[in-house]
Amino acid sequence: MDKLEFSIVWGVPSKVIYQALLDPFEIMQYTRAPAVVEPKEGGQYKIMEGRIEGVFNKLVENQEIQMTWKFNNWKQHSNVTLRLIEREDSCELKIIQTNFPNDVDKVKLEDGWKNQIFIPMSKIRGYPIEDDD
């Protein structure tokens, strides 16, 4: 089974990123598209005008989001875990995605997360992404 795994270090506390990933108002700002989000376990979400959808399976406040995730043209849902690790003046967001269709290009999938979600979140909401060298 293919697995996509990467990290982003944010120059803000984990609670800020956790909130940004679950709050419909914030999501609509950085995706620049309608979003329906029920931020609770079992809650559904549809973002980017319904092009991405899924269900929140587990929420651990300011630490972890486990959810199903799929593009509207995929036959199956993938599994996504977003894990937040608090650091001294920042937090690390680890993204793990599994169970996506075999014909999906992992490089393009990672680029999509970065270019459609995380970079706009940084630019529009002002949450700095740090180099983790």
C-alpha atoms as a PDB file:
ATOM      1  CA  MET A   1       0.000   0.000   0.000  1.00  0.00           C
ATOM      2  CA  ASP A   2       1.308   3.440  -0.896  1.00  0.00           C
ATOM      3  CA  LYS A   3       1.917   5.928   1.858  1.00  0.00           C
ATOM      4  CA  LEU A   4       2.452   9.660   1.675  1.00  0.00           C
ATOM      5  CA  GLU A   5       4.268  11.172   4.635  1.00  0.00           C
ATOM      6  CA  PHE A   6       5.709  14.658   5.075  1.00  0.00           C
ATOM      7  CA  SER A   7       6.003  17.402   7.693  1.00  0.00           C
ATOM      8  CA  ILE A   8       5.641  21.147   7.890  1.00  0.00           C
ATOM      9  CA  VAL A   9       6.953  23.272  10.743  1.00  0.00           C
ATOM     10  CA  TRP A  10       4.783  26.253  11.624  1.00  0.00           C
ATOM     11  CA  GLY A  11       5.949  29.291  13.579  1.00  0.00           C
ATOM     12  CA  VAL A  12       2.823  29.266  15.751  1.00  0.00           C
ATOM     13  CA  PRO A  13       1.525  27.025  18.578  1.00  0.00           C
ATOM     14  CA  SER A  14      -0.207  23.758  17.649  1.00  0.00           C
ATOM     15  CA  LYS A  15      -3.604  25.050  18.838  1.00  0.00           C
ATOM     16  CA  VAL A  16      -3.531  27.701  16.075  1.00  0.00           C
ATOM     17  CA  ILE A  17      -2.970  25.133  13.306  1.00  0.00           C
ATOM     18  CA  TYR A  18      -5.460  22.682  14.854  1.00  0.00           C
ATOM     19  CA  GLN A  19      -8.106  25.417  14.805  1.00  0.00           C
ATOM     20  CA  ALA A  20      -7.218  26.426  11.232  1.00  0.00           C
ATOM     21  CA  LEU A  21      -7.720  22.842  10.048  1.00  0.00           C
ATOM     22  CA  LEU A  22     -11.187  22.524  11.609  1.00  0.00           C
ATOM     23  CA  ASP A  23     -12.799  25.972  11.558  1.00  0.00           C
ATOM     24  CA  PRO A  24     -15.061  26.409   8.495  1.00  0.00           C
ATOM     25  CA  PHE A  25     -14.525  30.189   8.399  1.00  0.00           C
ATOM     26  CA  GLU A  26     -10.735  29.839   8.343  1.00  0.00           C
ATOM     27  CA  ILE A  27     -10.900  27.023   5.787  1.00  0.00           C
ATOM     28  CA  MET A  28     -13.064  29.150   3.469  1.00  0.00           C
ATOM     29  CA  GLN A  29     -10.540  31.985   3.727  1.00  0.00           C
ATOM     30  CA  TYR A  30      -7.444  30.025   2.764  1.00  0.00           C
ATOM     31  CA  THR A  31      -9.122  27.729   0.200  1.00  0.00           C
ATOM     32  CA  ARG A  32     -11.103  30.657  -1.224  1.00  0.00           C
ATOM     33  CA  ALA A  33     -14.083  28.335  -1.652  1.00  0.00           C
ATOM     34  CA  PRO A  34     -17.207  27.260   0.245  1.00  0.00           C
ATOM     35  CA  ALA A  35     -16.660  24.735   3.035  1.00  0.00           C
ATOM     36  CA  VAL A  36     -19.013  22.682   5.180  1.00  0.00           C
ATOM     37  CA  VAL A  37     -17.231  21.334   8.252  1.00  0.00           C
ATOM     38  CA  GLU A  38     -18.620  19.558  11.325  1.00  0.00           C
ATOM     39  CA  PRO A  39     -15.573  19.622  13.658  1.00  0.00           C
ATOM     40  CA  LYS A  40     -16.507  16.600  15.806  1.00  0.00           C
ATOM     41  CA  GLU A  41     -15.839  12.873  15.712  1.00  0.00           C
ATOM     42  CA  GLY A  42     -18.173  11.430  13.087  1.00  0.00           C
ATOM     43  CA  GLY A  43     -18.624  14.899  11.594  1.00  0.00           C
ATOM     44  CA  GLN A  44     -18.471  15.296   7.842  1.00  0.00           C
ATOM     45  CA  TYR A  45     -16.647  17.878   5.804  1.00  0.00           C
ATOM     46  CA  LYS A  46     -16.712  19.096   2.219  1.00  0.00           C
ATOM     47  CA  ILE A  47     -14.165  21.671   1.171  1.00  0.00           C
ATOM     48  CA  MET A  48     -13.063  23.353  -2.037  1.00  0.00           C
ATOM     49  CA  GLU A  49     -16.612  23.444  -3.415  1.00  0.00           C
ATOM     50  CA  GLY A  50     -17.133  19.767  -2.585  1.00  0.00           C
ATOM     51  CA  ARG A  51     -14.071  18.554  -4.501  1.00  0.00           C
ATOM     52  CA  ILE A  52     -12.655  17.113  -1.255  1.00  0.00           C
ATOM     53  CA  GLU A  53     -14.792  15.301   1.306  1.00  0.00           C
ATOM     54  CA  GLY A  54     -14.576  12.961   4.238  1.00  0.00           C
ATOM     55  CA  VAL A  55     -15.393  12.224   7.869  1.00  0.00           C
ATOM     56  CA  PHE A  56     -13.503  13.026  11.069  1.00  0.00           C
ATOM     57  CA  ASN A  57     -12.801   9.708  12.816  1.00  0.00           C
ATOM     58  CA  LYS A  58     -10.794  10.970  15.783  1.00  0.00           C
ATOM     59  CA  LEU A  59     -10.033  14.427  17.154  1.00  0.00           C
ATOM     60  CA  VAL A  60      -7.517  14.997  19.947  1.00  0.00           C
ATOM     61  CA  GLU A  61      -7.582  18.714  20.697  1.00  0.00           C
ATOM     62  CA  ASN A  62      -4.443  20.518  19.511  1.00  0.00           C
ATOM     63  CA  GLN A  63      -2.696  17.173  18.861  1.00  0.00           C
ATOM     64  CA  GLU A  64      -4.269  14.994  16.182  1.00  0.00           C
ATOM     65  CA  ILE A  65      -6.928  14.753  13.492  1.00  0.00           C
ATOM     66  CA  GLN A  66      -7.737  11.395  11.911  1.00  0.00           C
ATOM     67  CA  MET A  67     -10.107  11.478   8.961  1.00  0.00           C
ATOM     68  CA  THR A  68     -11.173   9.873   5.758  1.00  0.00           C
ATOM     69  CA  TRP A  69     -10.340  11.975   2.707  1.00  0.00           C
ATOM     70  CA  LYS A  70     -11.087  11.767  -0.991  1.00  0.00           C
ATOM     71  CA  PHE A  71     -11.412  13.778  -4.139  1.00  0.00           C
ATOM     72  CA  ASN A  72     -14.928  13.631  -5.521  1.00  0.00           C
ATOM     73  CA  ASN A  73     -13.678  11.616  -8.515  1.00  0.00           C
ATOM     74  CA  TRP A  74     -12.031   8.888  -6.380  1.00  0.00           C
ATOM     75  CA  LYS A  75     -13.967   5.665  -5.833  1.00  0.00           C
ATOM     76  CA  GLN A  76     -12.638   5.169  -2.304  1.00  0.00           C
ATOM     77  CA  HIS A  77     -11.661   7.248   0.695  1.00  0.00           C
ATOM     78  CA  SER A  78      -8.046   7.437   1.798  1.00  0.00           C
ATOM     79  CA  ASN A  79      -7.012   7.737   5.446  1.00  0.00           C
ATOM     80  CA  VAL A  80      -5.313  10.886   6.688  1.00  0.00           C
ATOM     81  CA  THR A  81      -3.674  11.536  10.036  1.00  0.00           C
ATOM     82  CA  LEU A  82      -2.609  15.082  10.889  1.00  0.00           C
ATOM     83  CA  ARG A  83      -0.398  14.971  13.981  1.00  0.00           C
ATOM     84  CA  LEU A  84       0.719  18.157  15.740  1.00  0.00           C
ATOM     85  CA  ILE A  85       3.903  18.144  17.809  1.00  0.00           C
ATOM     86  CA  GLU A  86       4.426  21.177  20.020  1.00  0.00           C
ATOM     87  CA  ARG A  87       7.909  22.692  19.992  1.00  0.00           C
ATOM     88  CA  GLU A  88       9.365  25.577  21.979  1.00  0.00           C
ATOM     89  CA  ASP A  89       8.252  28.406  19.668  1.00  0.00           C
ATOM     90  CA  SER A  90       6.553  26.429  16.910  1.00  0.00           C
ATOM     91  CA  CYS A  91       4.835  23.176  16.047  1.00  0.00           C
ATOM     92  CA  GLU A  92       5.424  20.392  13.576  1.00  0.00           C
ATOM     93  CA  LEU A  93       2.518  19.090  11.528  1.00  0.00           C
ATOM     94  CA  LYS A  94       3.055  15.514  10.327  1.00  0.00           C
ATOM     95  CA  ILE A  95       0.816  14.478   7.460  1.00  0.00           C
ATOM     96  CA  ILE A  96       0.312  10.758   6.805  1.00  0.00           C
ATOM     97  CA  GLN A  97      -2.023   9.639   4.019  1.00  0.00           C
ATOM     98  CA  THR A  98      -2.668   5.980   3.155  1.00  0.00           C
ATOM     99  CA  ASN A  99      -5.122   3.913   1.129  1.00  0.00           C
ATOM    100  CA  PHE A 100      -5.269   6.283  -1.832  1.00  0.00           C
ATOM    101  CA  PRO A 101      -5.845   4.905  -5.358  1.00  0.00           C
ATOM    102  CA  ASN A 102      -2.853   3.164  -6.959  1.00  0.00           C
ATOM    103  CA  ASP A 103      -2.857   5.501  -9.952  1.00  0.00           C
ATOM    104  CA  VAL A 104      -2.417   8.623  -7.803  1.00  0.00           C
ATOM    105  CA  ASP A 105       0.978  10.320  -8.148  1.00  0.00           C
ATOM    106  CA  LYS A 106       2.357  10.807  -4.615  1.00  0.00           C
ATOM    107  CA  VAL A 107       4.414  13.842  -5.648  1.00  0.00           C
ATOM    108  CA  LYS A 108       1.323  15.568  -7.056  1.00  0.00           C
ATOM    109  CA  LEU A 109      -0.699  14.594  -3.976  1.00  0.00           C
ATOM    110  CA  GLU A 110       1.891  16.154  -1.652  1.00  0.00           C
ATOM    111  CA  ASP A 111       2.138  19.224  -3.887  1.00  0.00           C
ATOM    112  CA  GLY A 112      -1.646  19.557  -3.711  1.00  0.00           C
ATOM    113  CA  TRP A 113      -1.623  19.549   0.091  1.00  0.00           C
ATOM    114  CA  LYS A 114       1.108  22.179   0.111  1.00  0.00           C
ATOM    115  CA  ASN A 115      -0.079  24.414  -2.748  1.00  0.00           C
ATOM    116  CA  GLN A 116      -3.835  24.229  -2.152  1.00  0.00           C
ATOM    117  CA  ILE A 117      -3.974  24.113   1.645  1.00  0.00           C
ATOM    118  CA  PHE A 118      -0.803  24.814   3.617  1.00  0.00           C
ATOM    119  CA  ILE A 119       0.848  27.600   1.592  1.00  0.00           C
ATOM    120  CA  PRO A 120      -2.445  29.528   1.236  1.00  0.00           C
ATOM    121  CA  MET A 121      -3.036  28.993   4.985  1.00  0.00           C
ATOM    122  CA  SER A 122       0.359  30.554   5.616  1.00  0.00           C
ATOM    123  CA  LYS A 123      -0.115  33.489   3.238  1.00  0.00           C
ATOM    124  CA  ILE A 124      -3.773  34.322   3.885  1.00  0.00           C
ATOM    125  CA  ARG A 125      -3.972  33.576   7.628  1.00  0.00           C
ATOM    126  CA  GLY A 126      -0.393  34.719   8.329  1.00  0.00           C
ATOM    127  CA  TYR A 127       0.812  31.488   9.936  1.00  0.00           C
ATOM    128  CA  PRO A 128       4.530  31.287   9.046  1.00  0.00           C
ATOM    129  CA  ILE A 129       6.042  28.090   7.691  1.00  0.00           C
ATOM    130  CA  GLU A 130       9.584  27.611   8.957  1.00  0.00           C
ATOM    131  CA  ASP A 131      12.491  25.881   7.269  1.00  0.00           C
ATOM    132  CA  ASP A 132      13.282  22.750   9.245  1.00  0.00           C
ATOM    133  CA  ASP A 133      16.971  22.415   8.380  1.00  0.00           C
END
